[in-house]
Amino acid sequence: MVNTEQDDWDMHLSRACWQLRSAYNESIKMTPFEVMTSRKPPTSELSAEEASPVTVDDHDPNEVAAYVQSIVAQLNNIQGTVS
């Protein structure tokens, strides 16, 4: 993965971290990405940093608030499972 001089490891760190964050963890029965975001990791080859952000500019504020409340409830449920 790194070159023979082993001086370019930092260029691969983001991808290595993404692999760890998106890998299923037997002890928590989900991925670390799911614990932090309460959703499945993207299935594309893009890393989390390369994936395009979600915007709420064109959405009804009430729908956004309901979505945020549902995410909070999911995260609380996950926290109960992990704790």
PDB file of N, CA and C in Angstrom:
ATOM      1  N   MET A   1       0.822  -1.182   0.000  1.00  0.00           N
ATOM      2  CA  MET A   1       0.000   0.000   0.000  1.00  0.00           C
ATOM      3  C   MET A   1       0.872   1.254   0.000  1.00  0.00           C
ATOM      4  N   VAL A   2       1.907   1.289   0.806  1.00  0.00           N
ATOM      5  CA  VAL A   2       2.811   2.435   0.806  1.00  0.00           C
ATOM      6  C   VAL A   2       4.023   2.126  -0.069  1.00  0.00           C
ATOM      7  N   ASN A   3       4.778   3.163  -0.399  1.00  0.00           N
ATOM      8  CA  ASN A   3       5.938   2.952  -1.269  1.00  0.00           C
ATOM      9  C   ASN A   3       7.093   2.323  -0.488  1.00  0.00           C
ATOM     10  N   THR A   4       8.166   2.008  -1.179  1.00  0.00           N
ATOM     11  CA  THR A   4       9.283   1.304  -0.548  1.00  0.00           C
ATOM     12  C   THR A   4       9.991   2.154   0.505  1.00  0.00           C
ATOM     13  N   GLU A   5       9.939   3.480   0.373  1.00  0.00           N
ATOM     14  CA  GLU A   5      10.536   4.360   1.378  1.00  0.00           C
ATOM     15  C   GLU A   5       9.616   4.552   2.588  1.00  0.00           C
ATOM     16  N   GLN A   6       8.402   4.098   2.470  1.00  0.00           N
ATOM     17  CA  GLN A   6       7.378   4.207   3.510  1.00  0.00           C
ATOM     18  C   GLN A   6       7.177   5.645   3.980  1.00  0.00           C
ATOM     19  N   ASP A   7       7.218   6.576   3.015  1.00  0.00           N
ATOM     20  CA  ASP A   7       7.028   7.977   3.383  1.00  0.00           C
ATOM     21  C   ASP A   7       5.742   8.569   2.820  1.00  0.00           C
ATOM     22  N   ASP A   8       4.862   7.712   2.298  1.00  0.00           N
ATOM     23  CA  ASP A   8       3.590   8.229   1.782  1.00  0.00           C
ATOM     24  C   ASP A   8       2.382   7.603   2.490  1.00  0.00           C
ATOM     25  N   TRP A   9       2.604   7.064   3.678  1.00  0.00           N
ATOM     26  CA  TRP A   9       1.519   6.392   4.411  1.00  0.00           C
ATOM     27  C   TRP A   9       0.379   7.347   4.706  1.00  0.00           C
ATOM     28  N   ASP A  10       0.695   8.626   4.943  1.00  0.00           N
ATOM     29  CA  ASP A  10      -0.354   9.580   5.277  1.00  0.00           C
ATOM     30  C   ASP A  10      -1.312   9.818   4.118  1.00  0.00           C
ATOM     31  N   MET A  11      -0.874   9.521   2.904  1.00  0.00           N
ATOM     32  CA  MET A  11      -1.742   9.672   1.734  1.00  0.00           C
ATOM     33  C   MET A  11      -2.830   8.587   1.715  1.00  0.00           C
ATOM     34  N   HIS A  12      -2.646   7.510   2.448  1.00  0.00           N
ATOM     35  CA  HIS A  12      -3.583   6.392   2.465  1.00  0.00           C
ATOM     36  C   HIS A  12      -4.397   6.310   3.750  1.00  0.00           C
ATOM     37  N   LEU A  13      -4.125   7.184   4.682  1.00  0.00           N
ATOM     38  CA  LEU A  13      -4.746   7.114   5.997  1.00  0.00           C
ATOM     39  C   LEU A  13      -6.261   7.287   5.947  1.00  0.00           C
ATOM     40  N   SER A  14      -6.746   8.210   5.129  1.00  0.00           N
ATOM     41  CA  SER A  14      -8.182   8.450   5.022  1.00  0.00           C
ATOM     42  C   SER A  14      -8.925   7.193   4.569  1.00  0.00           C
ATOM     43  N   ARG A  15      -8.387   6.521   3.564  1.00  0.00           N
ATOM     44  CA  ARG A  15      -9.024   5.302   3.056  1.00  0.00           C
ATOM     45  C   ARG A  15      -8.980   4.178   4.093  1.00  0.00           C
ATOM     46  N   ALA A  16      -7.874   4.063   4.806  1.00  0.00           N
ATOM     47  CA  ALA A  16      -7.763   3.026   5.837  1.00  0.00           C
ATOM     48  C   ALA A  16      -8.757   3.281   6.969  1.00  0.00           C
ATOM     49  N   CYS A  17      -8.882   4.531   7.377  1.00  0.00           N
ATOM     50  CA  CYS A  17      -9.847   4.873   8.430  1.00  0.00           C
ATOM     51  C   CYS A  17     -11.270   4.576   7.967  1.00  0.00           C
ATOM     52  N   TRP A  18     -11.567   4.901   6.712  1.00  0.00           N
ATOM     53  CA  TRP A  18     -12.908   4.627   6.189  1.00  0.00           C
ATOM     54  C   TRP A  18     -13.209   3.132   6.204  1.00  0.00           C
ATOM     55  N   GLN A  19     -12.231   2.326   5.877  1.00  0.00           N
ATOM     56  CA  GLN A  19     -12.436   0.877   5.888  1.00  0.00           C
ATOM     57  C   GLN A  19     -12.780   0.395   7.297  1.00  0.00           C
ATOM     58  N   LEU A  20     -12.118   0.942   8.295  1.00  0.00           N
ATOM     59  CA  LEU A  20     -12.419   0.568   9.678  1.00  0.00           C
ATOM     60  C   LEU A  20     -13.801   1.059  10.107  1.00  0.00           C
ATOM     61  N   ARG A  21     -14.138   2.287   9.733  1.00  0.00           N
ATOM     62  CA  ARG A  21     -15.424   2.858  10.142  1.00  0.00           C
ATOM     63  C   ARG A  21     -16.614   2.186   9.466  1.00  0.00           C
ATOM     64  N   SER A  22     -16.411   1.639   8.290  1.00  0.00           N
ATOM     65  CA  SER A  22     -17.526   1.055   7.550  1.00  0.00           C
ATOM     66  C   SER A  22     -17.579  -0.471   7.650  1.00  0.00           C
ATOM     67  N   ALA A  23     -16.680  -1.065   8.411  1.00  0.00           N
ATOM     68  CA  ALA A  23     -16.654  -2.519   8.577  1.00  0.00           C
ATOM     69  C   ALA A  23     -17.586  -2.945   9.715  1.00  0.00           C
ATOM     70  N   TYR A  24     -18.292  -4.043   9.515  1.00  0.00           N
ATOM     71  CA  TYR A  24     -19.193  -4.574  10.538  1.00  0.00           C
ATOM     72  C   TYR A  24     -18.392  -4.977  11.764  1.00  0.00           C
ATOM     73  N   ASN A  25     -18.900  -4.596  12.932  1.00  0.00           N
ATOM     74  CA  ASN A  25     -18.250  -4.915  14.191  1.00  0.00           C
ATOM     75  C   ASN A  25     -19.135  -5.883  14.958  1.00  0.00           C
ATOM     76  N   GLU A  26     -18.634  -7.058  15.229  1.00  0.00           N
ATOM     77  CA  GLU A  26     -19.419  -8.107  15.878  1.00  0.00           C
ATOM     78  C   GLU A  26     -19.880  -7.711  17.280  1.00  0.00           C
ATOM     79  N   SER A  27     -19.058  -7.001  18.026  1.00  0.00           N
ATOM     80  CA  SER A  27     -19.417  -6.676  19.407  1.00  0.00           C
ATOM     81  C   SER A  27     -20.573  -5.682  19.499  1.00  0.00           C
ATOM     82  N   ILE A  28     -20.681  -4.766  18.542  1.00  0.00           N
ATOM     83  CA  ILE A  28     -21.788  -3.800  18.579  1.00  0.00           C
ATOM     84  C   ILE A  28     -22.879  -4.124  17.556  1.00  0.00           C
ATOM     85  N   LYS A  29     -22.661  -5.181  16.774  1.00  0.00           N
ATOM     86  CA  LYS A  29     -23.637  -5.670  15.790  1.00  0.00           C
ATOM     87  C   LYS A  29     -23.994  -4.629  14.720  1.00  0.00           C
ATOM     88  N   MET A  30     -23.062  -3.752  14.417  1.00  0.00           N
ATOM     89  CA  MET A  30     -23.233  -2.756  13.351  1.00  0.00           C
ATOM     90  C   MET A  30     -21.865  -2.159  13.064  1.00  0.00           C
ATOM     91  N   THR A  31     -21.824  -1.209  12.159  1.00  0.00           N
ATOM     92  CA  THR A  31     -20.560  -0.554  11.853  1.00  0.00           C
ATOM     93  C   THR A  31     -20.377   0.671  12.747  1.00  0.00           C
ATOM     94  N   PRO A  32     -19.144   1.096  12.990  1.00  0.00           N
ATOM     95  CA  PRO A  32     -18.939   2.340  13.721  1.00  0.00           C
ATOM     96  C   PRO A  32     -19.613   3.532  13.025  1.00  0.00           C
ATOM     97  N   PHE A  33     -19.658   3.516  11.701  1.00  0.00           N
ATOM     98  CA  PHE A  33     -20.339   4.576  10.948  1.00  0.00           C
ATOM     99  C   PHE A  33     -21.809   4.654  11.351  1.00  0.00           C
ATOM    100  N   GLU A  34     -22.462   3.497  11.501  1.00  0.00           N
ATOM    101  CA  GLU A  34     -23.870   3.471  11.909  1.00  0.00           C
ATOM    102  C   GLU A  34     -24.056   4.018  13.321  1.00  0.00           C
ATOM    103  N   VAL A  35     -23.110   3.733  14.204  1.00  0.00           N
ATOM    104  CA  VAL A  35     -23.205   4.237  15.572  1.00  0.00           C
ATOM    105  C   VAL A  35     -23.159   5.767  15.565  1.00  0.00           C
ATOM    106  N   MET A  36     -22.304   6.329  14.741  1.00  0.00           N
ATOM    107  CA  MET A  36     -22.145   7.782  14.714  1.00  0.00           C
ATOM    108  C   MET A  36     -23.244   8.498  13.931  1.00  0.00           C
ATOM    109  N   THR A  37     -23.796   7.868  12.886  1.00  0.00           N
ATOM    110  CA  THR A  37     -24.735   8.577  12.010  1.00  0.00           C
ATOM    111  C   THR A  37     -26.135   7.989  11.998  1.00  0.00           C
ATOM    112  N   SER A  38     -26.319   6.834  12.574  1.00  0.00           N
ATOM    113  CA  SER A  38     -27.571   6.059  12.572  1.00  0.00           C
ATOM    114  C   SER A  38     -28.070   5.757  11.168  1.00  0.00           C
ATOM    115  N   ARG A  39     -27.140   5.556  10.243  1.00  0.00           N
ATOM    116  CA  ARG A  39     -27.491   5.093   8.900  1.00  0.00           C
ATOM    117  C   ARG A  39     -26.372   4.202   8.379  1.00  0.00           C
ATOM    118  N   LYS A  40     -26.712   3.410   7.377  1.00  0.00           N
ATOM    119  CA  LYS A  40     -25.727   2.512   6.783  1.00  0.00           C
ATOM    120  C   LYS A  40     -24.663   3.331   6.058  1.00  0.00           C
ATOM    121  N   PRO A  41     -23.427   2.848   6.028  1.00  0.00           N
ATOM    122  CA  PRO A  41     -22.391   3.563   5.277  1.00  0.00           C
ATOM    123  C   PRO A  41     -22.693   3.520   3.783  1.00  0.00           C
ATOM    124  N   PRO A  42     -22.279   4.552   3.048  1.00  0.00           N
ATOM    125  CA  PRO A  42     -22.474   4.537   1.599  1.00  0.00           C
ATOM    126  C   PRO A  42     -21.834   3.297   0.985  1.00  0.00           C
ATOM    127  N   THR A  43     -22.465   2.739  -0.031  1.00  0.00           N
ATOM    128  CA  THR A  43     -21.947   1.515  -0.634  1.00  0.00           C
ATOM    129  C   THR A  43     -21.026   1.793  -1.808  1.00  0.00           C
ATOM    130  N   SER A  44     -20.896   3.056  -2.188  1.00  0.00           N
ATOM    131  CA  SER A  44     -20.005   3.371  -3.301  1.00  0.00           C
ATOM    132  C   SER A  44     -18.561   3.282  -2.838  1.00  0.00           C
ATOM    133  N   GLU A  45     -17.654   3.437  -3.762  1.00  0.00           N
ATOM    134  CA  GLU A  45     -16.229   3.394  -3.454  1.00  0.00           C
ATOM    135  C   GLU A  45     -15.733   4.715  -2.877  1.00  0.00           C
ATOM    136  N   LEU A  46     -16.602   5.705  -2.750  1.00  0.00           N
ATOM    137  CA  LEU A  46     -16.196   6.985  -2.204  1.00  0.00           C
ATOM    138  C   LEU A  46     -15.964   6.881  -0.712  1.00  0.00           C
ATOM    139  N   SER A  47     -14.987   7.610  -0.227  1.00  0.00           N
ATOM    140  CA  SER A  47     -14.791   7.676   1.217  1.00  0.00           C
ATOM    141  C   SER A  47     -15.807   8.650   1.787  1.00  0.00           C
ATOM    142  N   ALA A  48     -15.925   8.700   3.081  1.00  0.00           N
ATOM    143  CA  ALA A  48     -16.872   9.611   3.726  1.00  0.00           C
ATOM    144  C   ALA A  48     -16.552  11.055   3.375  1.00  0.00           C
ATOM    145  N   GLU A  49     -15.272  11.389   3.259  1.00  0.00           N
ATOM    146  CA  GLU A  49     -14.883  12.758   2.939  1.00  0.00           C
ATOM    147  C   GLU A  49     -15.219  13.126   1.495  1.00  0.00           C
ATOM    148  N   GLU A  50     -15.230  12.139   0.602  1.00  0.00           N
ATOM    149  CA  GLU A  50     -15.490  12.407  -0.803  1.00  0.00           C
ATOM    150  C   GLU A  50     -16.969  12.406  -1.147  1.00  0.00           C
ATOM    151  N   ALA A  51     -17.806  11.843  -0.301  1.00  0.00           N
ATOM    152  CA  ALA A  51     -19.240  11.781  -0.570  1.00  0.00           C
ATOM    153  C   ALA A  51     -19.832  13.178  -0.491  1.00  0.00           C
ATOM    154  N   SER A  52     -20.804  13.452  -1.358  1.00  0.00           N
ATOM    155  CA  SER A  52     -21.397  14.786  -1.365  1.00  0.00           C
ATOM    156  C   SER A  52     -22.286  14.976  -0.142  1.00  0.00           C
ATOM    157  N   PRO A  53     -22.281  16.177   0.437  1.00  0.00           N
ATOM    158  CA  PRO A  53     -23.084  16.429   1.634  1.00  0.00           C
ATOM    159  C   PRO A  53     -24.569  16.520   1.315  1.00  0.00           C
ATOM    160  N   VAL A  54     -25.396  16.254   2.294  1.00  0.00           N
ATOM    161  CA  VAL A  54     -26.845  16.388   2.158  1.00  0.00           C
ATOM    162  C   VAL A  54     -27.210  17.798   2.572  1.00  0.00           C
ATOM    163  N   THR A  55     -28.021  18.466   1.762  1.00  0.00           N
ATOM    164  CA  THR A  55     -28.452  19.815   2.107  1.00  0.00           C
ATOM    165  C   THR A  55     -29.938  19.814   2.404  1.00  0.00           C
ATOM    166  N   VAL A  56     -30.369  20.771   3.188  1.00  0.00           N
ATOM    167  CA  VAL A  56     -31.781  20.872   3.562  1.00  0.00           C
ATOM    168  C   VAL A  56     -32.408  22.164   3.041  1.00  0.00           C
ATOM    169  N   ASP A  57     -31.727  22.861   2.156  1.00  0.00           N
ATOM    170  CA  ASP A  57     -32.200  24.152   1.665  1.00  0.00           C
ATOM    171  C   ASP A  57     -33.584  24.096   1.033  1.00  0.00           C
ATOM    172  N   ASP A  58     -33.886  23.043   0.310  1.00  0.00           N
ATOM    173  CA  ASP A  58     -35.147  22.949  -0.423  1.00  0.00           C
ATOM    174  C   ASP A  58     -36.201  22.118   0.286  1.00  0.00           C
ATOM    175  N   HIS A  59     -36.079  21.913   1.595  1.00  0.00           N
ATOM    176  CA  HIS A  59     -37.009  21.070   2.323  1.00  0.00           C
ATOM    177  C   HIS A  59     -37.830  21.884   3.310  1.00  0.00           C
ATOM    178  N   ASP A  60     -39.013  21.392   3.583  1.00  0.00           N
ATOM    179  CA  ASP A  60     -39.900  22.003   4.572  1.00  0.00           C
ATOM    180  C   ASP A  60     -39.257  21.906   5.954  1.00  0.00           C
ATOM    181  N   PRO A  61     -39.173  23.031   6.695  1.00  0.00           N
ATOM    182  CA  PRO A  61     -38.549  22.995   8.018  1.00  0.00           C
ATOM    183  C   PRO A  61     -39.191  21.972   8.968  1.00  0.00           C
ATOM    184  N   ASN A  62     -40.499  21.757   8.849  1.00  0.00           N
ATOM    185  CA  ASN A  62     -41.167  20.770   9.713  1.00  0.00           C
ATOM    186  C   ASN A  62     -40.701  19.354   9.383  1.00  0.00           C
ATOM    187  N   GLU A  63     -40.491  19.076   8.099  1.00  0.00           N
ATOM    188  CA  GLU A  63     -39.993  17.761   7.697  1.00  0.00           C
ATOM    189  C   GLU A  63     -38.557  17.553   8.196  1.00  0.00           C
ATOM    190  N   VAL A  64     -37.764  18.613   8.125  1.00  0.00           N
ATOM    191  CA  VAL A  64     -36.387  18.531   8.609  1.00  0.00           C
ATOM    192  C   VAL A  64     -36.385  18.270  10.114  1.00  0.00           C
ATOM    193  N   ALA A  65     -37.222  18.991  10.856  1.00  0.00           N
ATOM    194  CA  ALA A  65     -37.294  18.802  12.307  1.00  0.00           C
ATOM    195  C   ALA A  65     -37.738  17.385  12.653  1.00  0.00           C
ATOM    196  N   ALA A  66     -38.713  16.857  11.922  1.00  0.00           N
ATOM    197  CA  ALA A  66     -39.179  15.490  12.170  1.00  0.00           C
ATOM    198  C   ALA A  66     -38.072  14.488  11.863  1.00  0.00           C
ATOM    199  N   TYR A  67     -37.320  14.744  10.799  1.00  0.00           N
ATOM    200  CA  TYR A  67     -36.211  13.857  10.447  1.00  0.00           C
ATOM    201  C   TYR A  67     -35.143  13.882  11.547  1.00  0.00           C
ATOM    202  N   VAL A  68     -34.807  15.062  12.014  1.00  0.00           N
ATOM    203  CA  VAL A  68     -33.800  15.181  13.068  1.00  0.00           C
ATOM    204  C   VAL A  68     -34.267  14.459  14.327  1.00  0.00           C
ATOM    205  N   GLN A  69     -35.535  14.611  14.671  1.00  0.00           N
ATOM    206  CA  GLN A  69     -36.067  13.909  15.850  1.00  0.00           C
ATOM    207  C   GLN A  69     -35.971  12.394  15.679  1.00  0.00           C
ATOM    208  N   SER A  70     -36.236  11.904  14.472  1.00  0.00           N
ATOM    209  CA  SER A  70     -36.147  10.454  14.250  1.00  0.00           C
ATOM    210  C   SER A  70     -34.699   9.976  14.353  1.00  0.00           C
ATOM    211  N   ILE A  71     -33.756  10.778  13.875  1.00  0.00           N
ATOM    212  CA  ILE A  71     -32.337  10.418  13.983  1.00  0.00           C
ATOM    213  C   ILE A  71     -31.906  10.392  15.450  1.00  0.00           C
ATOM    214  N   VAL A  72     -32.353  11.387  16.228  1.00  0.00           N
ATOM    215  CA  VAL A  72     -32.022  11.428  17.653  1.00  0.00           C
ATOM    216  C   VAL A  72     -32.560  10.178  18.351  1.00  0.00           C
ATOM    217  N   ALA A  73     -33.789   9.790  18.020  1.00  0.00           N
ATOM    218  CA  ALA A  73     -34.373   8.585  18.621  1.00  0.00           C
ATOM    219  C   ALA A  73     -33.562   7.341  18.242  1.00  0.00           C
ATOM    220  N   GLN A  74     -33.142   7.255  16.975  1.00  0.00           N
ATOM    221  CA  GLN A  74     -32.334   6.120  16.539  1.00  0.00           C
ATOM    222  C   GLN A  74     -30.994   6.094  17.252  1.00  0.00           C
ATOM    223  N   LEU A  75     -30.368   7.266  17.399  1.00  0.00           N
ATOM    224  CA  LEU A  75     -29.075   7.325  18.089  1.00  0.00           C
ATOM    225  C   LEU A  75     -29.219   6.948  19.558  1.00  0.00           C
ATOM    226  N   ASN A  76     -30.297   7.370  20.186  1.00  0.00           N
ATOM    227  CA  ASN A  76     -30.547   6.972  21.581  1.00  0.00           C
ATOM    228  C   ASN A  76     -30.726   5.461  21.696  1.00  0.00           C
ATOM    229  N   ASN A  77     -31.410   4.875  20.719  1.00  0.00           N
ATOM    230  CA  ASN A  77     -31.590   3.422  20.692  1.00  0.00           C
ATOM    231  C   ASN A  77     -30.245   2.722  20.513  1.00  0.00           C
ATOM    232  N   ILE A  78     -29.426   3.223  19.606  1.00  0.00           N
ATOM    233  CA  ILE A  78     -28.108   2.643  19.386  1.00  0.00           C
ATOM    234  C   ILE A  78     -27.255   2.775  20.637  1.00  0.00           C
ATOM    235  N   GLN A  79     -27.325   3.937  21.280  1.00  0.00           N
ATOM    236  CA  GLN A  79     -26.534   4.139  22.505  1.00  0.00           C
ATOM    237  C   GLN A  79     -26.933   3.122  23.568  1.00  0.00           C
ATOM    238  N   GLY A  80     -28.231   2.833  23.665  1.00  0.00           N
ATOM    239  CA  GLY A  80     -28.681   1.825  24.613  1.00  0.00           C
ATOM    240  C   GLY A  80     -28.160   0.450  24.276  1.00  0.00           C
ATOM    241  N   THR A  81     -28.042   0.154  23.000  1.00  0.00           N
ATOM    242  CA  THR A  81     -27.545  -1.143  22.561  1.00  0.00           C
ATOM    243  C   THR A  81     -26.040  -1.271  22.823  1.00  0.00           C
ATOM    244  N   VAL A  82     -25.301  -0.205  22.573  1.00  0.00           N
ATOM    245  CA  VAL A  82     -23.848  -0.227  22.689  1.00  0.00           C
ATOM    246  C   VAL A  82     -23.413  -0.145  24.148  1.00  0.00           C
ATOM    247  N   SER A  83     -24.136   0.575  24.966  1.00  0.00           N
ATOM    248  CA  SER A  83     -23.747   0.778  26.368  1.00  0.00           C
ATOM    249  C   SER A  83     -23.789  -0.493  27.177  1.00  0.00           C
TER     250      SER A  83
END
